[in-house]
Amino acid sequence: MTGAPSFAIIIPFFDEAQNVELVCIELKEVLRKELSEGEVILVDDGSEDGTGDLLDRVASNWPECRVFHLDRNRGQAAALLFGFSKTTAAVIVTMDGDGQNDPRDIAKLLAGLEEADMVVGTRVRRRDSWPRRKISRIANYIRADFLRDGVSDSGCGLKVFRREVVDAFIPIRTLYSFMPAMAVAAGFQVVEKPVNHRPRQHGSSKYTTTSFLFLPVVDFLGLRWFTFRRCNGGSAHSLHQGTIQRRSRDDFYKHPFKRWAATVTVAIAIGIIAWLEVVPSKHFVGPEARKVSLKRAEEIALHRTPGGHLGVEELRWKDNRLVWTIDVHLSHSPNLNEIEIDALDGHVIAARAESAAEEELEQAAEDHHFNLKPQKSK
């Protein structure tokens, strides 16, 4: 490729070591056969599983590819914004690094820029779990209804847009869900195109209940105010193509009953989301809450204390999260190490040395607590 690239593909990666080669090899092949005038920017978002090294290896024999490493995990939105700042291409493409987006759809979305400023992929056969699909459908309905972006699947990672649209983006943590709404609020024209969606082959989703439900609601309320207060700029596409569509959406909001119904819907949805955020964390322990098995937690604890042997193991809620607490006895000492491991992502929360006397006192206190019997009234 000579001269400036006509488009840039930005892909953020966070702990996707098992997917790096699959995603990059497939994308490289698509670009070689169909799209030869683009560049690829891979952003390692502070991965700790070797993702960064694999990205460097992939890019070493790929002239059109550049890799950037963030100093720590800053989130998908920050990684995308960083990637946007590293290219001068007139068109930007975004896609996920988990292998669920199909790079063969990029050409179709690029062609859609002839009629719009942003083209958003719509996953027609979404390959996610049933609860996630239903929650996403409700959230998309509410967002489209209130923010008037006319998009049915804003969470799809595959998007294509003109460079000037980037100026409409606000640096919030849930940027990936609200890009179309921000673009529409700035006066740009946004359209949708159906795209393929595939099941995740390796690894697990990095979204938690908080990032998938609670944070989007908080940001949604702020954007609801922002979209009604900002000044429209837009482009030539939006000036003559977006006016009629926007007017039809405005007419919808002139009906008091429809506005009231939409308000009630949002209130109910927020209540459900709040319940899902609070209740399950205290009363239910499911696969979403515990992704690190006991065996894996034991491996982490023994790696932290070489030569030790396992003692008491416990799974409990602490500070509103599920934690493995594992005692590791030292080989040449009467003391032990008590190690706390996050059951969701496996990182060590705390590790402290505990003497044999302290352990005996702690065990005695627990025995006393569980053996207490109610006194009979005289």
Protein backbone atom coordinates (compact mmCIF):
# COMPACT_ATOMS: atom_id res chain seq x y z
CA MET A 1 0.00 0.00 0.00
CA THR A 2 1.37 3.40 -1.01
CA GLY A 3 0.15 6.78 0.22
CA ALA A 4 -2.49 7.37 2.87
CA PRO A 5 -4.88 4.47 3.55
CA SER A 6 -8.45 4.90 2.34
CA PHE A 7 -9.79 3.29 5.51
CA ALA A 8 -8.51 2.01 8.86
CA ILE A 9 -9.80 -1.00 10.79
CA ILE A 10 -9.56 -0.51 14.57
CA ILE A 11 -9.71 -3.63 16.76
CA PRO A 12 -9.33 -3.50 20.56
CA PHE A 13 -8.13 -6.67 22.32
CA PHE A 14 -8.28 -7.52 26.01
CA ASP A 15 -7.16 -10.99 27.14
CA GLU A 16 -8.02 -12.60 23.80
CA ALA A 17 -4.86 -14.68 23.36
CA GLN A 18 -6.81 -17.65 22.00
CA ASN A 19 -8.54 -15.51 19.38
CA VAL A 20 -5.73 -13.23 18.16
CA GLU A 21 -4.40 -15.43 15.37
CA LEU A 22 -7.86 -16.55 14.23
CA VAL A 23 -9.13 -12.97 13.95
CA CYS A 24 -6.01 -11.52 12.35
CA ILE A 25 -5.37 -14.31 9.84
CA GLU A 26 -8.98 -14.17 8.64
CA LEU A 27 -8.93 -10.37 8.39
CA LYS A 28 -5.59 -10.37 6.56
CA GLU A 29 -6.95 -12.80 3.98
CA VAL A 30 -10.11 -10.71 3.43
CA LEU A 31 -8.07 -7.55 2.94
CA ARG A 32 -5.72 -9.29 0.52
CA LYS A 33 -8.58 -10.55 -1.66
CA GLU A 34 -11.17 -7.76 -1.42
CA LEU A 35 -9.87 -4.58 0.19
CA SER A 36 -6.26 -3.67 -0.51
CA GLU A 37 -6.24 0.04 0.35
CA GLY A 38 -6.77 -0.12 4.11
CA GLU A 39 -4.67 -0.32 7.23
CA VAL A 40 -5.22 -2.23 10.46
CA ILE A 41 -4.67 -0.85 13.95
CA LEU A 42 -4.67 -3.39 16.79
CA VAL A 43 -4.91 -2.00 20.33
CA ASP A 44 -3.85 -4.17 23.26
CA ASP A 45 -5.96 -2.90 26.15
CA GLY A 46 -3.62 -3.90 28.99
CA SER A 47 -3.96 -7.67 28.46
CA GLU A 48 -2.31 -10.03 30.95
CA ASP A 49 -2.56 -13.34 29.06
CA GLY A 50 0.04 -12.81 26.35
CA THR A 51 -2.31 -11.10 23.89
CA GLY A 52 0.14 -8.23 23.37
CA ASP A 53 3.03 -10.54 22.38
CA LEU A 54 0.80 -12.40 19.93
CA LEU A 55 -0.33 -9.12 18.33
CA ASP A 56 3.29 -8.06 17.89
CA ARG A 57 4.07 -11.41 16.26
CA VAL A 58 1.13 -11.12 13.86
CA ALA A 59 2.08 -7.58 12.84
CA SER A 60 5.76 -8.42 12.29
CA ASN A 61 5.04 -9.74 8.77
CA TRP A 62 2.00 -7.60 8.00
CA PRO A 63 3.09 -4.18 6.64
CA GLU A 64 -0.43 -2.72 6.72
CA CYS A 65 -0.82 -3.52 10.44
CA ARG A 66 0.28 -1.51 13.47
CA VAL A 67 0.03 -2.51 17.14
CA PHE A 68 -0.31 -0.24 20.16
CA HIS A 69 -0.17 -1.28 23.82
CA LEU A 70 -2.02 0.57 26.59
CA ASP A 71 -0.25 0.64 29.95
CA ARG A 72 -3.25 -0.96 31.72
CA ASN A 73 -6.79 -2.07 31.02
CA ARG A 74 -8.71 1.13 30.27
CA GLY A 75 -11.83 -0.32 28.66
CA GLN A 76 -13.10 -0.84 25.15
CA ALA A 77 -14.16 2.79 24.67
CA ALA A 78 -10.73 4.16 25.60
CA ALA A 79 -9.01 1.63 23.33
CA LEU A 80 -11.23 2.62 20.40
CA LEU A 81 -10.68 6.35 20.92
CA PHE A 82 -6.93 5.75 21.14
CA GLY A 83 -7.07 3.83 17.86
CA PHE A 84 -9.04 6.62 16.17
CA SER A 85 -6.28 9.06 17.08
CA LYS A 86 -3.59 6.92 15.44
CA THR A 87 -4.89 7.01 11.89
CA THR A 88 -5.39 9.68 9.24
CA ALA A 89 -7.69 7.54 7.09
CA ALA A 90 -10.86 9.19 5.79
CA VAL A 91 -12.98 6.21 6.81
CA ILE A 92 -12.86 4.20 10.04
CA VAL A 93 -14.02 0.62 10.61
CA THR A 94 -14.47 -0.93 14.05
CA MET A 95 -14.82 -4.60 14.93
CA ASP A 96 -14.42 -6.79 18.01
CA GLY A 97 -11.43 -8.98 18.74
CA ASP A 98 -13.40 -12.02 19.92
CA GLY A 99 -13.96 -13.51 16.46
CA GLN A 100 -17.73 -13.08 16.43
CA ASN A 101 -17.71 -10.37 13.72
CA ASP A 102 -17.22 -11.53 10.14
CA PRO A 103 -14.64 -9.36 8.28
CA ARG A 104 -16.26 -10.32 4.96
CA ASP A 105 -19.07 -7.91 5.87
CA ILE A 106 -16.73 -4.90 5.86
CA ALA A 107 -16.98 -4.36 2.09
CA LYS A 108 -20.77 -4.24 2.29
CA LEU A 109 -20.68 -1.65 5.07
CA LEU A 110 -18.11 0.47 3.23
CA ALA A 111 -20.40 0.54 0.20
CA GLY A 112 -23.17 1.86 2.45
CA LEU A 113 -21.25 5.11 2.94
CA GLU A 114 -22.53 6.22 -0.45
CA GLU A 115 -25.86 6.98 1.25
CA ALA A 116 -24.82 7.85 4.80
CA ASP A 117 -22.07 9.02 7.15
CA MET A 118 -22.19 5.95 9.37
CA VAL A 119 -23.20 2.36 8.62
CA VAL A 120 -23.99 0.12 11.59
CA GLY A 121 -24.03 -3.66 11.38
CA THR A 122 -27.18 -5.44 12.55
CA ARG A 123 -26.70 -8.99 13.80
CA VAL A 124 -29.63 -10.76 12.15
CA ARG A 125 -28.88 -14.14 13.74
CA ARG A 126 -27.19 -13.24 16.97
CA ARG A 127 -25.15 -16.07 18.51
CA ASP A 128 -25.24 -15.06 22.18
CA SER A 129 -27.04 -16.54 25.17
CA TRP A 130 -30.83 -16.19 25.35
CA PRO A 131 -30.84 -13.81 28.40
CA ARG A 132 -28.26 -11.56 26.80
CA ARG A 133 -30.20 -11.39 23.52
CA LYS A 134 -33.45 -10.50 25.32
CA ILE A 135 -31.86 -7.86 27.56
CA SER A 136 -30.08 -6.37 24.55
CA ARG A 137 -33.33 -6.27 22.56
CA ILE A 138 -35.12 -4.37 25.35
CA ALA A 139 -32.19 -2.00 25.80
CA ASN A 140 -31.99 -1.33 22.05
CA TYR A 141 -35.71 -0.59 21.89
CA ILE A 142 -35.56 1.89 24.77
CA ARG A 143 -32.40 3.56 23.47
CA ALA A 144 -33.73 3.93 19.93
CA ASP A 145 -37.08 5.17 21.24
CA PHE A 146 -35.64 7.89 23.45
CA LEU A 147 -32.44 8.88 21.66
CA ARG A 148 -34.07 8.66 18.22
CA ASP A 149 -31.06 7.17 16.45
CA GLY A 150 -33.18 4.80 14.35
CA VAL A 151 -30.78 1.89 15.04
CA SER A 152 -31.96 -1.54 16.16
CA ASP A 153 -28.58 -3.02 17.21
CA SER A 154 -26.18 -0.32 18.38
CA GLY A 155 -24.06 -2.84 20.31
CA CYS A 156 -22.78 -4.56 17.17
CA GLY A 157 -19.01 -4.11 17.05
CA LEU A 158 -18.93 -3.84 13.27
CA LYS A 159 -19.39 -0.18 12.27
CA VAL A 160 -18.10 2.00 9.43
CA PHE A 161 -18.10 5.81 9.46
CA ARG A 162 -16.47 8.88 7.99
CA ARG A 163 -13.64 10.41 9.97
CA GLU A 164 -15.55 13.61 10.74
CA VAL A 165 -18.09 11.57 12.72
CA VAL A 166 -15.41 10.94 15.38
CA ASP A 167 -15.78 14.57 16.50
CA ALA A 168 -19.34 13.75 17.59
CA PHE A 169 -18.21 11.06 20.05
CA ILE A 170 -18.15 11.82 23.78
CA PRO A 171 -15.46 9.89 25.70
CA ILE A 172 -17.71 7.78 27.94
CA ARG A 173 -17.14 4.17 28.99
CA THR A 174 -20.16 2.87 27.03
CA LEU A 175 -19.18 4.64 23.80
CA TYR A 176 -19.59 1.43 21.76
CA SER A 177 -23.35 1.37 22.47
CA PHE A 178 -24.03 5.04 21.81
CA MET A 179 -21.93 5.86 18.74
CA PRO A 180 -24.98 5.96 16.43
CA ALA A 181 -26.97 8.14 18.85
CA MET A 182 -24.08 10.61 19.16
CA ALA A 183 -23.70 10.73 15.38
CA VAL A 184 -27.42 11.36 14.84
CA ALA A 185 -27.44 14.04 17.56
CA ALA A 186 -24.61 15.80 15.71
CA GLY A 187 -26.63 15.79 12.49
CA PHE A 188 -24.98 12.88 10.68
CA GLN A 189 -26.92 10.32 8.66
CA VAL A 190 -26.87 6.77 10.05
CA VAL A 191 -28.12 3.61 8.32
CA GLU A 192 -28.05 -0.12 9.12
CA LYS A 193 -26.91 -3.16 7.15
CA PRO A 194 -27.44 -6.82 8.13
CA VAL A 195 -24.23 -8.65 9.04
CA ASN A 196 -23.20 -12.15 10.03
CA HIS A 197 -22.67 -13.01 13.70
CA ARG A 198 -20.82 -16.08 14.92
CA PRO A 199 -20.58 -17.87 18.27
CA ARG A 200 -17.50 -17.18 20.38
CA GLN A 201 -15.03 -20.05 19.88
CA HIS A 202 -12.58 -19.28 22.67
CA GLY A 203 -12.47 -17.30 25.90
CA SER A 204 -15.37 -15.59 27.59
CA SER A 205 -17.14 -12.24 27.39
CA LYS A 206 -15.55 -9.44 29.40
CA TYR A 207 -18.91 -7.80 30.14
CA THR A 208 -20.18 -7.94 33.71
CA THR A 209 -23.66 -7.14 34.98
CA THR A 210 -22.46 -3.63 35.76
CA SER A 211 -20.93 -2.96 32.34
CA PHE A 212 -23.75 -4.63 30.41
CA LEU A 213 -26.71 -3.19 32.34
CA PHE A 214 -26.01 -0.52 34.92
CA LEU A 215 -23.43 1.72 33.19
CA PRO A 216 -25.42 1.99 29.93
CA VAL A 217 -28.46 3.18 31.91
CA VAL A 218 -26.43 5.88 33.67
CA ASP A 219 -24.88 7.08 30.40
CA PHE A 220 -28.23 6.83 28.61
CA LEU A 221 -29.79 9.36 31.01
CA GLY A 222 -26.93 11.79 30.37
CA LEU A 223 -27.12 11.35 26.60
CA ARG A 224 -30.88 11.82 26.68
CA TRP A 225 -30.28 15.36 27.97
CA PHE A 226 -27.25 15.94 25.71
CA THR A 227 -28.97 14.98 22.45
CA PHE A 228 -31.70 17.55 23.05
CA ARG A 229 -29.27 20.33 23.96
CA ARG A 230 -26.43 20.07 21.47
CA CYS A 231 -26.18 22.03 18.22
CA ASN A 232 -26.37 20.01 15.02
CA GLY A 233 -23.49 20.17 12.57
CA GLY A 234 -23.69 17.20 10.28
CA SER A 235 -22.57 16.74 6.71
CA ALA A 236 -23.90 17.10 3.21
CA HIS A 237 -25.42 13.60 3.46
CA SER A 238 -27.45 14.44 6.54
CA LEU A 239 -28.62 17.81 5.25
CA HIS A 240 -30.76 16.45 2.44
CA GLN A 241 -31.27 12.78 3.42
CA GLY A 242 -31.79 12.94 7.17
CA THR A 243 -34.35 15.74 7.41
CA ILE A 244 -37.43 13.71 6.47
CA GLN A 245 -36.46 10.76 8.64
CA ARG A 246 -35.74 12.98 11.63
CA ARG A 247 -39.02 14.85 11.19
CA SER A 248 -40.96 11.57 11.25
CA ARG A 249 -39.32 10.66 14.54
CA ASP A 250 -40.11 14.09 15.95
CA ASP A 251 -43.78 13.64 14.98
CA PHE A 252 -43.85 10.45 17.02
CA TYR A 253 -42.82 12.35 20.15
CA LYS A 254 -45.61 14.90 19.74
CA HIS A 255 -48.14 12.30 20.90
CA PRO A 256 -48.48 12.54 24.71
CA PHE A 257 -49.62 8.94 25.16
CA LYS A 258 -46.64 7.54 23.30
CA ARG A 259 -44.25 9.69 25.30
CA TRP A 260 -45.93 8.58 28.55
CA ALA A 261 -45.72 4.91 27.52
CA ALA A 262 -42.05 5.27 26.65
CA THR A 263 -41.34 6.93 30.02
CA VAL A 264 -43.06 4.10 31.89
CA THR A 265 -41.11 1.55 29.86
CA VAL A 266 -37.81 3.16 30.80
CA ALA A 267 -38.80 3.36 34.49
CA ILE A 268 -39.70 -0.34 34.54
CA ALA A 269 -36.50 -1.27 32.71
CA ILE A 270 -34.36 0.72 35.16
CA GLY A 271 -36.12 -0.99 38.06
CA ILE A 272 -35.46 -4.44 36.58
CA ILE A 273 -31.83 -3.59 35.91
CA ALA A 274 -31.38 -2.31 39.48
CA TRP A 275 -32.91 -5.52 40.81
CA LEU A 276 -30.63 -7.65 38.64
CA GLU A 277 -27.64 -5.64 39.85
CA VAL A 278 -28.39 -5.97 43.57
CA VAL A 279 -30.32 -9.18 44.17
CA PRO A 280 -28.28 -11.77 42.28
CA SER A 281 -25.03 -10.57 43.82
CA LYS A 282 -26.29 -11.43 47.29
CA HIS A 283 -28.49 -14.46 46.78
CA PHE A 284 -27.35 -16.32 43.68
CA VAL A 285 -24.03 -17.84 42.71
CA GLY A 286 -24.11 -18.74 39.04
CA PRO A 287 -21.63 -19.10 36.20
CA GLU A 288 -21.62 -15.33 35.58
CA ALA A 289 -20.56 -14.69 39.20
CA ARG A 290 -17.94 -17.47 39.41
CA LYS A 291 -15.80 -17.89 36.31
CA VAL A 292 -12.70 -19.10 38.18
CA SER A 293 -12.98 -22.73 39.34
CA LEU A 294 -11.56 -24.02 42.62
CA LYS A 295 -8.86 -25.89 40.70
CA ARG A 296 -7.79 -22.71 38.92
CA ALA A 297 -7.85 -20.74 42.20
CA GLU A 298 -5.62 -23.39 43.80
CA GLU A 299 -3.16 -23.09 40.92
CA ILE A 300 -3.04 -19.31 41.36
CA ALA A 301 -2.51 -19.65 45.12
CA LEU A 302 0.30 -22.23 44.75
CA HIS A 303 1.96 -20.09 42.06
CA ARG A 304 1.91 -17.23 44.54
CA THR A 305 3.48 -19.43 47.25
CA PRO A 306 5.97 -21.86 45.60
CA GLY A 307 6.57 -25.05 47.56
CA GLY A 308 3.50 -24.62 49.76
CA HIS A 309 0.61 -27.03 50.27
CA LEU A 310 -3.09 -26.24 50.38
CA GLY A 311 -5.10 -25.80 53.56
CA VAL A 312 -8.58 -24.43 54.21
CA GLU A 313 -10.49 -23.23 51.13
CA GLU A 314 -13.59 -21.05 51.15
CA LEU A 315 -15.84 -19.32 48.62
CA ARG A 316 -17.68 -16.28 50.00
CA TRP A 317 -19.08 -12.84 49.20
CA LYS A 318 -16.84 -9.96 50.23
CA ASP A 319 -17.26 -6.29 49.32
CA ASN A 320 -20.08 -7.19 46.93
CA ARG A 321 -18.02 -9.70 44.92
CA LEU A 322 -17.35 -13.44 45.05
CA VAL A 323 -13.93 -14.32 46.47
CA TRP A 324 -11.92 -17.51 46.91
CA THR A 325 -10.03 -17.52 50.23
CA ILE A 326 -7.30 -20.18 50.26
CA ASP A 327 -4.78 -20.97 53.00
CA VAL A 328 -1.37 -22.14 51.79
CA HIS A 329 0.93 -23.70 54.40
CA LEU A 330 4.64 -23.02 54.01
CA SER A 331 6.96 -26.02 53.86
CA HIS A 332 9.57 -24.85 56.38
CA SER A 333 7.48 -22.59 58.60
CA PRO A 334 4.56 -22.97 61.01
CA ASN A 335 2.98 -19.90 59.39
CA LEU A 336 0.68 -19.85 56.39
CA ASN A 337 -0.34 -17.44 53.63
CA GLU A 338 -4.01 -16.51 53.33
CA ILE A 339 -4.68 -15.57 49.70
CA GLU A 340 -7.88 -13.94 48.40
CA ILE A 341 -8.64 -14.43 44.70
CA ASP A 342 -11.40 -12.75 42.69
CA ALA A 343 -13.70 -15.57 41.48
CA LEU A 344 -14.71 -13.56 38.40
CA ASP A 345 -11.37 -12.76 36.77
CA GLY A 346 -8.78 -14.61 38.88
CA HIS A 347 -6.66 -11.70 40.06
CA VAL A 348 -5.19 -11.79 43.57
CA ILE A 349 -7.03 -9.29 45.77
CA ALA A 350 -4.92 -9.70 48.90
CA ALA A 351 -2.28 -11.98 50.42
CA ARG A 352 -1.13 -11.92 54.00
CA ALA A 353 1.00 -14.05 56.30
CA GLU A 354 -0.80 -15.60 59.26
CA SER A 355 0.86 -17.24 62.24
CA ALA A 356 -0.22 -20.61 63.60
CA ALA A 357 -1.58 -18.89 66.72
CA GLU A 358 -3.69 -16.49 64.66
CA GLU A 359 -5.07 -19.39 62.63
CA GLU A 360 -6.02 -21.27 65.80
CA LEU A 361 -7.81 -18.22 67.21
CA GLU A 362 -9.67 -17.71 63.92
CA GLN A 363 -10.69 -21.36 63.79
CA ALA A 364 -11.83 -21.28 67.42
CA ALA A 365 -13.95 -18.20 66.74
CA GLU A 366 -15.59 -19.90 63.74
CA ASP A 367 -16.26 -23.08 65.72
CA HIS A 368 -17.81 -21.03 68.50
CA HIS A 369 -20.01 -19.16 66.03
CA PHE A 370 -21.39 -22.31 64.38
CA ASN A 371 -21.80 -24.32 67.60
CA LEU A 372 -23.80 -21.75 69.51
CA LYS A 373 -27.08 -23.18 70.81
CA PRO A 374 -30.05 -21.11 71.91
CA GLN A 375 -30.51 -20.95 75.65
CA LYS A 376 -33.71 -22.46 77.02
CA SER A 377 -35.87 -19.98 78.86
CA LYS A 378 -36.39 -20.76 82.51
